């Protein structure tokens, strides 16, 4: 029961952060919201691992974290080069 509630709260937070990604005020705000969505999805995968007792999902969560971190770094570099006066 508690894992269902946690999953629902995380999914709701993901949707709200996803709306900020789509309609954010600036590109840096959107990037921050993207990072929030990635962390919430990561937590959802970890809750799934707890609910199903399968450690494979924890490995997926670690790989997803690394990929989202590298993706955010690449997007930061791209945005810094594209908008040098904005930073």
C-alpha atoms as a PDB file:
ATOM      1  CA  UNK A   1       0.000   0.000   0.000  1.00  0.00           C
ATOM      2  CA  UNK A   2       2.715   2.488   0.945  1.00  0.00           C
ATOM      3  CA  UNK A   3       4.679   1.766  -2.239  1.00  0.00           C
ATOM      4  CA  UNK A   4       1.561   2.511  -4.278  1.00  0.00           C
ATOM      5  CA  UNK A   5       1.148   5.872  -2.561  1.00  0.00           C
ATOM      6  CA  UNK A   6       4.821   6.694  -3.042  1.00  0.00           C
ATOM      7  CA  UNK A   7       4.591   5.742  -6.724  1.00  0.00           C
ATOM      8  CA  UNK A   8       1.523   7.933  -7.194  1.00  0.00           C
ATOM      9  CA  UNK A   9       3.184  10.929  -5.524  1.00  0.00           C
ATOM     10  CA  UNK A  10       6.348  10.491  -7.614  1.00  0.00           C
ATOM     11  CA  UNK A  11       4.338  10.124 -10.820  1.00  0.00           C
ATOM     12  CA  UNK A  12       2.390  13.293 -10.009  1.00  0.00           C
ATOM     13  CA  UNK A  13       5.621  15.171  -9.311  1.00  0.00           C
ATOM     14  CA  UNK A  14       6.979  13.860 -12.627  1.00  0.00           C
ATOM     15  CA  UNK A  15       3.976  15.231 -14.507  1.00  0.00           C
ATOM     16  CA  UNK A  16       4.254  18.628 -12.830  1.00  0.00           C
ATOM     17  CA  UNK A  17       7.987  18.818 -13.568  1.00  0.00           C
ATOM     18  CA  UNK A  18       7.271  17.681 -17.118  1.00  0.00           C
ATOM     19  CA  UNK A  19       4.945  20.646 -17.580  1.00  0.00           C
ATOM     20  CA  UNK A  20       7.742  22.947 -16.449  1.00  0.00           C
ATOM     21  CA  UNK A  21      10.023  21.287 -19.018  1.00  0.00           C
ATOM     22  CA  UNK A  22       7.499  22.108 -21.728  1.00  0.00           C
ATOM     23  CA  UNK A  23       6.562  25.627 -20.607  1.00  0.00           C
ATOM     24  CA  UNK A  24       9.538  26.866 -18.586  1.00  0.00           C
ATOM     25  CA  UNK A  25      10.460  30.527 -18.497  1.00  0.00           C
ATOM     26  CA  UNK A  26      14.015  30.052 -19.754  1.00  0.00           C
ATOM     27  CA  UNK A  27      16.096  27.259 -21.156  1.00  0.00           C
ATOM     28  CA  UNK A  28      17.990  26.938 -17.867  1.00  0.00           C
ATOM     29  CA  UNK A  29      14.689  26.500 -15.992  1.00  0.00           C
ATOM     30  CA  UNK A  30      13.708  23.790 -18.439  1.00  0.00           C
ATOM     31  CA  UNK A  31      17.046  22.055 -17.933  1.00  0.00           C
ATOM     32  CA  UNK A  32      16.578  22.121 -14.166  1.00  0.00           C
ATOM     33  CA  UNK A  33      13.082  20.678 -14.553  1.00  0.00           C
ATOM     34  CA  UNK A  34      14.486  17.976 -16.845  1.00  0.00           C
ATOM     35  CA  UNK A  35      16.923  17.047 -14.089  1.00  0.00           C
ATOM     36  CA  UNK A  36      14.012  16.841 -11.650  1.00  0.00           C
ATOM     37  CA  UNK A  37      12.082  14.560 -14.005  1.00  0.00           C
ATOM     38  CA  UNK A  38      15.121  12.316 -14.394  1.00  0.00           C
ATOM     39  CA  UNK A  39      15.559  11.993 -10.643  1.00  0.00           C
ATOM     40  CA  UNK A  40      11.857  11.277 -10.105  1.00  0.00           C
ATOM     41  CA  UNK A  41      11.899   8.561 -12.783  1.00  0.00           C
ATOM     42  CA  UNK A  42      14.979   7.119 -11.128  1.00  0.00           C
ATOM     43  CA  UNK A  43      13.147   6.988  -7.801  1.00  0.00           C
ATOM     44  CA  UNK A  44      10.181   5.316  -9.490  1.00  0.00           C
ATOM     45  CA  UNK A  45      12.471   2.608 -10.832  1.00  0.00           C
ATOM     46  CA  UNK A  46      13.881   2.096  -7.347  1.00  0.00           C
ATOM     47  CA  UNK A  47      10.380   1.811  -5.879  1.00  0.00           C
ATOM     48  CA  UNK A  48       9.608  -0.749  -8.590  1.00  0.00           C
ATOM     49  CA  UNK A  49      12.702  -2.683  -7.507  1.00  0.00           C
ATOM     50  CA  UNK A  50      11.470  -2.664  -3.906  1.00  0.00           C
ATOM     51  CA  UNK A  51       7.953  -3.690  -4.882  1.00  0.00           C
ATOM     52  CA  UNK A  52       9.023  -6.611  -7.064  1.00  0.00           C
ATOM     53  CA  UNK A  53      12.113  -7.709  -5.105  1.00  0.00           C
ATOM     54  CA  UNK A  54      14.231  -7.733  -8.245  1.00  0.00           C
ATOM     55  CA  UNK A  55      17.679  -6.212  -7.984  1.00  0.00           C
ATOM     56  CA  UNK A  56      17.962  -5.912 -11.755  1.00  0.00           C
ATOM     57  CA  UNK A  57      15.908  -2.728 -11.552  1.00  0.00           C
ATOM     58  CA  UNK A  58      18.500  -1.187  -9.256  1.00  0.00           C
ATOM     59  CA  UNK A  59      21.112  -1.780 -11.952  1.00  0.00           C
ATOM     60  CA  UNK A  60      18.799  -0.077 -14.433  1.00  0.00           C
ATOM     61  CA  UNK A  61      18.447   2.864 -12.026  1.00  0.00           C
ATOM     62  CA  UNK A  62      22.224   3.257 -11.746  1.00  0.00           C
ATOM     63  CA  UNK A  63      22.671   3.209 -15.528  1.00  0.00           C
ATOM     64  CA  UNK A  64      19.779   5.659 -15.975  1.00  0.00           C
ATOM     65  CA  UNK A  65      21.349   8.013 -13.428  1.00  0.00           C
ATOM     66  CA  UNK A  66      24.678   7.975 -15.241  1.00  0.00           C
ATOM     67  CA  UNK A  67      23.036   8.573 -18.622  1.00  0.00           C
ATOM     68  CA  UNK A  68      20.916  11.447 -17.356  1.00  0.00           C
ATOM     69  CA  UNK A  69      23.953  13.036 -15.689  1.00  0.00           C
ATOM     70  CA  UNK A  70      25.979  12.884 -18.901  1.00  0.00           C
ATOM     71  CA  UNK A  71      22.981  14.169 -20.859  1.00  0.00           C
ATOM     72  CA  UNK A  72      22.606  17.172 -18.580  1.00  0.00           C
ATOM     73  CA  UNK A  73      26.315  17.957 -18.872  1.00  0.00           C
ATOM     74  CA  UNK A  74      26.103  17.851 -22.663  1.00  0.00           C
ATOM     75  CA  UNK A  75      23.016  20.069 -22.682  1.00  0.00           C
ATOM     76  CA  UNK A  76      24.703  22.549 -20.319  1.00  0.00           C
ATOM     77  CA  UNK A  77      27.712  22.830 -22.601  1.00  0.00           C
ATOM     78  CA  UNK A  78      25.485  23.249 -25.654  1.00  0.00           C
ATOM     79  CA  UNK A  79      23.375  25.934 -23.996  1.00  0.00           C
ATOM     80  CA  UNK A  80      26.420  27.784 -22.660  1.00  0.00           C
ATOM     81  CA  UNK A  81      27.880  27.972 -26.154  1.00  0.00           C
ATOM     82  CA  UNK A  82      24.569  28.924 -27.727  1.00  0.00           C
ATOM     83  CA  UNK A  83      23.736  31.707 -25.232  1.00  0.00           C
ATOM     84  CA  UNK A  84      27.038  33.122 -23.921  1.00  0.00           C
ATOM     85  CA  UNK A  85      25.508  36.388 -22.677  1.00  0.00           C
ATOM     86  CA  UNK A  86      22.646  34.687 -20.798  1.00  0.00           C
ATOM     87  CA  UNK A  87      24.801  33.050 -18.134  1.00  0.00           C
END
